[in-house]
N, C-alpha and C. Protein backbone atom coordinates (compact mmCIF):
# COMPACT_ATOMS: atom_id res chain seq x y z
N UNK A 1 98.56 90.09 111.09
CA UNK A 1 99.33 89.01 110.50
C UNK A 1 100.67 88.93 111.23
N UNK A 2 100.99 87.79 111.74
CA UNK A 2 102.20 87.64 112.54
C UNK A 2 103.47 87.58 111.70
N UNK A 3 103.37 87.31 110.39
CA UNK A 3 104.56 87.23 109.55
C UNK A 3 104.89 88.53 108.83
N UNK A 4 103.98 89.48 108.79
CA UNK A 4 104.24 90.77 108.16
C UNK A 4 105.11 91.62 109.09
N UNK A 5 105.83 92.56 108.52
CA UNK A 5 106.77 93.38 109.29
C UNK A 5 106.62 94.85 108.94
N UNK A 6 107.03 95.72 109.88
CA UNK A 6 107.12 97.15 109.63
C UNK A 6 108.51 97.45 109.10
N UNK A 7 108.61 98.25 108.04
CA UNK A 7 109.89 98.72 107.51
C UNK A 7 109.77 100.20 107.21
N UNK A 8 110.90 100.88 107.19
CA UNK A 8 110.91 102.29 106.82
C UNK A 8 111.69 102.40 105.52
N UNK A 9 111.03 102.91 104.46
CA UNK A 9 111.64 103.00 103.15
C UNK A 9 111.36 104.39 102.58
N UNK A 10 112.42 105.12 102.28
CA UNK A 10 112.24 106.45 101.73
C UNK A 10 111.54 107.41 102.67
N UNK A 11 111.73 107.21 103.98
CA UNK A 11 111.10 108.08 104.96
C UNK A 11 109.66 107.72 105.26
N UNK A 12 109.13 106.66 104.63
CA UNK A 12 107.76 106.23 104.87
C UNK A 12 107.76 104.88 105.56
N UNK A 13 106.88 104.73 106.55
CA UNK A 13 106.72 103.44 107.21
C UNK A 13 105.73 102.59 106.42
N UNK A 14 106.09 101.32 106.22
CA UNK A 14 105.23 100.40 105.47
C UNK A 14 105.08 99.12 106.26
N UNK A 15 103.90 98.52 106.20
CA UNK A 15 103.63 97.26 106.87
C UNK A 15 103.30 96.23 105.81
N UNK A 16 103.99 95.09 105.84
CA UNK A 16 103.70 94.06 104.86
C UNK A 16 104.83 93.05 104.75
N UNK A 17 104.97 92.54 103.53
CA UNK A 17 105.96 91.50 103.24
C UNK A 17 107.03 92.04 102.32
N UNK A 18 108.23 91.48 102.41
CA UNK A 18 109.28 91.79 101.46
C UNK A 18 109.18 90.80 100.31
N UNK A 19 109.49 91.26 99.11
CA UNK A 19 109.48 90.37 97.95
C UNK A 19 110.79 90.54 97.20
N UNK A 20 111.41 89.42 96.85
CA UNK A 20 112.64 89.42 96.08
C UNK A 20 112.36 88.70 94.77
N UNK A 21 112.77 89.29 93.66
CA UNK A 21 112.54 88.71 92.35
C UNK A 21 113.88 88.43 91.69
N UNK A 22 114.07 87.20 91.22
CA UNK A 22 115.30 86.80 90.54
C UNK A 22 115.03 86.76 89.04
N UNK A 23 115.83 87.50 88.27
CA UNK A 23 115.66 87.52 86.81
C UNK A 23 116.96 87.06 86.15
N UNK A 24 116.82 86.53 84.93
CA UNK A 24 118.01 86.11 84.20
C UNK A 24 118.54 87.29 83.36
N UNK A 25 119.54 87.04 82.52
CA UNK A 25 120.16 88.10 81.72
C UNK A 25 119.20 88.73 80.73
N UNK A 26 118.16 88.00 80.33
CA UNK A 26 117.17 88.51 79.38
C UNK A 26 116.03 89.26 80.07
N UNK A 27 116.04 89.30 81.39
CA UNK A 27 114.99 89.98 82.13
C UNK A 27 113.79 89.11 82.44
N UNK A 28 113.90 87.81 82.17
CA UNK A 28 112.80 86.89 82.46
C UNK A 28 112.85 86.47 83.93
N UNK A 29 111.70 86.47 84.57
CA UNK A 29 111.61 86.11 85.98
C UNK A 29 111.83 84.62 86.14
N UNK A 30 112.79 84.23 87.00
CA UNK A 30 113.04 82.82 87.23
C UNK A 30 112.61 82.38 88.63
N UNK A 31 112.44 83.34 89.57
CA UNK A 31 111.99 83.00 90.92
C UNK A 31 111.45 84.24 91.61
N UNK A 32 110.44 84.02 92.45
CA UNK A 32 109.89 85.08 93.29
C UNK A 32 109.84 84.54 94.71
N UNK A 33 110.43 85.27 95.64
CA UNK A 33 110.45 84.87 97.05
C UNK A 33 109.82 86.00 97.85
N UNK A 34 108.78 85.67 98.62
CA UNK A 34 108.19 86.70 99.49
C UNK A 34 108.29 86.23 100.92
N UNK A 35 108.53 87.19 101.78
CA UNK A 35 108.69 86.90 103.21
C UNK A 35 107.84 87.83 104.00
């Protein structure tokens, strides 16, 4: 997959996508963005 990336997190290498989740003050998900 040309859009997936290698990252190193906690000493482990991972291949995939990053995901960002936006929540409001009540903890309800208002947006999910994956790259």
